């Protein structure tokens, strides 16, 4: 798999939604409490913990704001000098796009999912630059893919998962989506997204069995 690299920024301060008087952004504008940002570097070398899944598993606006605080704005905003603000409508749009992609990844028939996959349409509006770059521990430059934004990187994560045959399933304990299969580091029959959920589910089963035994 060709590695995907993104040098990005995320807000230093807290993020919230502000509304302007002229209603230019009726759904509000995501802004950071501080004008500064910090640099972050994202690398896709496998599918063990895609950033896209953190966005897919957001259920509320507060979840979306926590995502932005942790990973950064999903795209450049033309009116911003740096990545410290973005329309809430833009975040909701990419959230819907990525969610649709990962719902298709629940299909185990790879040919069927590729037929229905709309990555080609998404790629039409995305920007990816192939480049040869030299890593410090490598003898020669290697080909990497450079998406132009965090949103484009997440689209690439979904496309790579579809191409590799990874499958999206819901955790039997917390109900969050996660990937199983090639490049995910999980077996194809995994039912829990993490060891934490596996242990928590085991404790629930033990507690339920204890109550059942006490009742009889």
Protein backbone atom coordinates (compact mmCIF):
# COMPACT_ATOMS: atom_id res chain seq x y z
CA UNK A 1 0.00 0.00 0.00
CA UNK A 2 1.35 3.43 -0.94
CA UNK A 3 1.76 5.46 2.28
CA UNK A 4 -0.41 8.56 2.68
CA UNK A 5 1.11 11.57 4.48
CA UNK A 6 -0.58 14.77 5.65
CA UNK A 7 0.99 17.69 7.49
CA UNK A 8 -1.91 19.50 9.13
CA UNK A 9 -2.84 21.77 12.05
CA UNK A 10 -5.29 21.55 14.91
CA UNK A 11 -6.62 24.24 17.27
CA UNK A 12 -4.74 24.96 20.47
CA UNK A 13 -7.75 26.38 22.31
CA UNK A 14 -11.24 25.03 22.82
CA UNK A 15 -13.60 24.97 19.85
CA UNK A 16 -17.20 26.12 19.74
CA UNK A 17 -19.87 27.21 17.28
CA UNK A 18 -20.48 30.93 16.77
CA UNK A 19 -23.27 32.58 14.80
CA UNK A 20 -22.80 35.72 12.71
CA UNK A 21 -25.25 38.60 12.53
CA UNK A 22 -25.55 38.56 8.74
CA UNK A 23 -26.48 34.84 8.69
CA UNK A 24 -23.71 34.07 6.23
CA UNK A 25 -23.42 30.70 7.98
CA UNK A 26 -26.88 29.74 9.28
CA UNK A 27 -25.50 26.56 10.88
CA UNK A 28 -22.73 28.50 12.59
CA UNK A 29 -18.99 28.81 12.26
CA UNK A 30 -16.62 26.56 14.18
CA UNK A 31 -14.01 28.76 15.83
CA UNK A 32 -11.15 28.20 18.24
CA UNK A 33 -10.87 30.18 21.47
CA UNK A 34 -7.22 30.92 20.64
CA UNK A 35 -5.84 32.08 17.27
CA UNK A 36 -2.89 29.70 17.42
CA UNK A 37 -2.69 26.18 16.00
CA UNK A 38 -0.24 23.33 16.49
CA UNK A 39 1.26 21.16 13.78
CA UNK A 40 0.25 17.51 13.52
CA UNK A 41 1.47 14.83 11.13
CA UNK A 42 -0.83 12.05 9.96
CA UNK A 43 0.45 8.93 8.25
CA UNK A 44 -1.59 6.08 6.76
CA UNK A 45 0.49 2.94 6.64
CA UNK A 46 -2.28 0.51 7.67
CA UNK A 47 -5.96 0.46 8.68
CA UNK A 48 -5.61 -0.25 12.40
CA UNK A 49 -7.00 3.10 13.62
CA UNK A 50 -8.35 5.26 10.76
CA UNK A 51 -9.08 8.86 11.64
CA UNK A 52 -12.21 8.52 9.51
CA UNK A 53 -13.72 6.09 12.02
CA UNK A 54 -13.42 8.68 14.78
CA UNK A 55 -15.54 10.98 12.63
CA UNK A 56 -17.99 8.25 11.60
CA UNK A 57 -18.65 7.38 15.25
CA UNK A 58 -19.59 10.97 16.13
CA UNK A 59 -23.28 11.10 17.07
CA UNK A 60 -23.82 14.68 18.27
CA UNK A 61 -22.53 18.17 17.51
CA UNK A 62 -20.49 17.99 20.72
CA UNK A 63 -18.86 14.82 19.37
CA UNK A 64 -18.01 16.67 16.15
CA UNK A 65 -16.43 19.54 18.07
CA UNK A 66 -14.35 17.10 20.10
CA UNK A 67 -13.21 15.54 16.83
CA UNK A 68 -12.08 18.96 15.54
CA UNK A 69 -10.28 19.65 18.81
CA UNK A 70 -8.40 16.35 18.57
CA UNK A 71 -7.68 16.13 14.84
CA UNK A 72 -8.21 19.61 13.39
CA UNK A 73 -10.59 21.22 10.91
CA UNK A 74 -11.48 18.87 8.09
CA UNK A 75 -10.79 21.36 5.31
CA UNK A 76 -9.40 24.79 4.50
CA UNK A 77 -11.85 27.66 4.88
CA UNK A 78 -11.30 30.42 2.33
CA UNK A 79 -11.99 33.24 4.82
CA UNK A 80 -9.49 31.92 7.37
CA UNK A 81 -5.79 32.71 7.29
CA UNK A 82 -5.02 29.51 9.20
CA UNK A 83 -6.92 26.36 10.14
CA UNK A 84 -8.70 27.92 13.10
CA UNK A 85 -12.26 28.18 11.76
CA UNK A 86 -14.67 26.43 9.40
CA UNK A 87 -18.43 26.46 8.69
CA UNK A 88 -20.32 23.84 10.68
CA UNK A 89 -22.11 22.92 7.45
CA UNK A 90 -18.78 21.87 5.91
CA UNK A 91 -18.03 19.57 8.83
CA UNK A 92 -21.49 18.02 8.68
CA UNK A 93 -21.09 17.49 4.92
CA UNK A 94 -17.80 15.59 5.19
CA UNK A 95 -19.23 13.68 8.18
CA UNK A 96 -22.10 12.48 5.98
CA UNK A 97 -19.74 11.60 3.12
CA UNK A 98 -17.41 9.54 5.30
CA UNK A 99 -20.32 7.84 7.07
CA UNK A 100 -21.78 6.77 3.73
CA UNK A 101 -18.41 5.32 2.68
CA UNK A 102 -18.06 3.24 5.83
CA UNK A 103 -21.64 1.99 5.62
CA UNK A 104 -20.66 0.47 2.26
CA UNK A 105 -17.68 -1.16 3.95
CA UNK A 106 -20.18 -3.25 5.94
CA UNK A 107 -20.80 -5.19 2.72
CA UNK A 108 -18.70 -8.34 2.71
CA UNK A 109 -18.98 -8.77 -1.05
CA UNK A 110 -15.98 -6.74 -2.24
CA UNK A 111 -17.17 -6.54 -5.86
CA UNK A 112 -20.57 -5.28 -4.76
CA UNK A 113 -19.11 -2.61 -2.50
CA UNK A 114 -16.75 -1.37 -5.21
CA UNK A 115 -19.65 -1.18 -7.69
CA UNK A 116 -21.58 0.98 -5.23
CA UNK A 117 -18.58 2.89 -3.95
CA UNK A 118 -18.68 6.57 -4.88
CA UNK A 119 -14.99 7.24 -4.30
CA UNK A 120 -14.48 8.17 -7.95
CA UNK A 121 -17.04 10.94 -7.56
CA UNK A 122 -15.49 12.00 -4.26
CA UNK A 123 -12.01 11.96 -5.79
CA UNK A 124 -13.27 14.30 -8.47
CA UNK A 125 -13.57 17.05 -5.86
CA UNK A 126 -10.53 15.99 -3.83
CA UNK A 127 -6.86 16.70 -4.31
CA UNK A 128 -4.06 14.14 -3.95
CA UNK A 129 -0.45 14.72 -4.99
CA UNK A 130 1.91 11.77 -5.53
CA UNK A 131 5.47 12.64 -4.50
CA UNK A 132 8.79 10.90 -4.01
CA UNK A 133 10.10 11.60 -0.52
CA UNK A 134 13.13 10.37 1.34
CA UNK A 135 12.60 9.09 4.89
CA UNK A 136 15.49 9.30 7.33
CA UNK A 137 15.78 5.52 7.66
CA UNK A 138 15.39 4.74 3.94
CA UNK A 139 18.17 4.42 1.39
CA UNK A 140 16.19 5.98 -1.45
CA UNK A 141 13.10 8.14 -1.92
CA UNK A 142 9.78 6.30 -1.88
CA UNK A 143 6.45 7.22 -3.43
CA UNK A 144 3.90 8.75 -1.02
CA UNK A 145 0.46 10.27 -1.57
CA UNK A 146 -0.19 13.78 -0.22
CA UNK A 147 -3.87 14.70 0.27
CA UNK A 148 -4.62 18.41 0.44
CA UNK A 149 -6.78 18.26 3.58
CA UNK A 150 -7.88 16.09 6.47
CA UNK A 151 -11.16 15.45 4.68
CA UNK A 152 -9.29 14.14 1.64
CA UNK A 153 -7.15 11.91 3.86
CA UNK A 154 -10.27 10.33 5.37
CA UNK A 155 -11.74 9.72 1.93
CA UNK A 156 -8.51 7.94 1.06
CA UNK A 157 -8.80 5.82 4.23
CA UNK A 158 -12.23 4.66 3.15
CA UNK A 159 -11.07 3.95 -0.39
CA UNK A 160 -8.05 1.97 0.83
CA UNK A 161 -10.28 -0.06 3.17
CA UNK A 162 -12.61 -0.86 0.27
CA UNK A 163 -9.72 -1.84 -1.98
CA UNK A 164 -8.00 -4.02 0.64
CA UNK A 165 -11.23 -5.84 1.57
CA UNK A 166 -11.50 -4.58 5.16
CA UNK A 167 -15.01 -4.86 6.61
CA UNK A 168 -16.79 -2.41 8.90
CA UNK A 169 -18.64 -4.01 11.83
CA UNK A 170 -20.20 -2.71 15.03
CA UNK A 171 -18.66 -3.49 18.39
CA UNK A 172 -20.78 -5.99 20.33
CA UNK A 173 -20.34 -3.86 23.47
CA UNK A 174 -20.23 -0.13 22.60
CA UNK A 175 -21.83 -0.36 19.12
CA UNK A 176 -19.13 1.79 17.50
CA UNK A 177 -17.96 0.94 14.00
CA UNK A 178 -14.51 -0.58 13.56
CA UNK A 179 -12.66 -2.43 10.82
CA UNK A 180 -11.69 -6.09 10.61
CA UNK A 181 -9.68 -7.94 8.01
CA UNK A 182 -6.61 -6.97 5.94
CA UNK A 183 -4.28 -4.30 7.37
CA UNK A 184 -6.53 -3.73 10.40
CA UNK A 185 -4.58 -5.81 12.92
CA UNK A 186 -7.80 -7.64 13.83
CA UNK A 187 -9.06 -11.07 12.96
CA UNK A 188 -11.98 -11.43 10.60
CA UNK A 189 -14.19 -12.79 13.41
CA UNK A 190 -13.44 -10.01 15.94
CA UNK A 191 -16.57 -8.68 17.67
CA UNK A 192 -15.07 -6.04 19.98
CA UNK A 193 -13.38 -2.82 18.89
CA UNK A 194 -10.83 -2.88 21.73
CA UNK A 195 -9.57 -4.88 24.70
CA UNK A 196 -11.40 -2.40 26.92
CA UNK A 197 -14.75 -3.32 25.38
CA UNK A 198 -13.91 -7.03 25.48
CA UNK A 199 -13.16 -6.83 29.22
CA UNK A 200 -16.22 -4.67 29.87
CA UNK A 201 -18.45 -7.15 28.04
CA UNK A 202 -16.97 -10.01 30.05
CA UNK A 203 -17.76 -8.18 33.30
CA UNK A 204 -21.33 -7.59 32.16
CA UNK A 205 -21.73 -11.29 31.37
CA UNK A 206 -20.35 -12.28 34.77
CA UNK A 207 -22.64 -9.85 36.55
CA UNK A 208 -25.64 -11.10 34.57
CA UNK A 209 -24.79 -14.74 35.33
CA UNK A 210 -24.42 -13.92 39.04
CA UNK A 211 -27.83 -12.25 39.13
CA UNK A 212 -29.39 -15.18 37.25
CA UNK A 213 -27.86 -17.73 39.67
CA UNK A 214 -28.93 -15.74 42.73
CA UNK A 215 -32.46 -15.59 41.35
CA UNK A 216 -32.67 -19.35 41.10
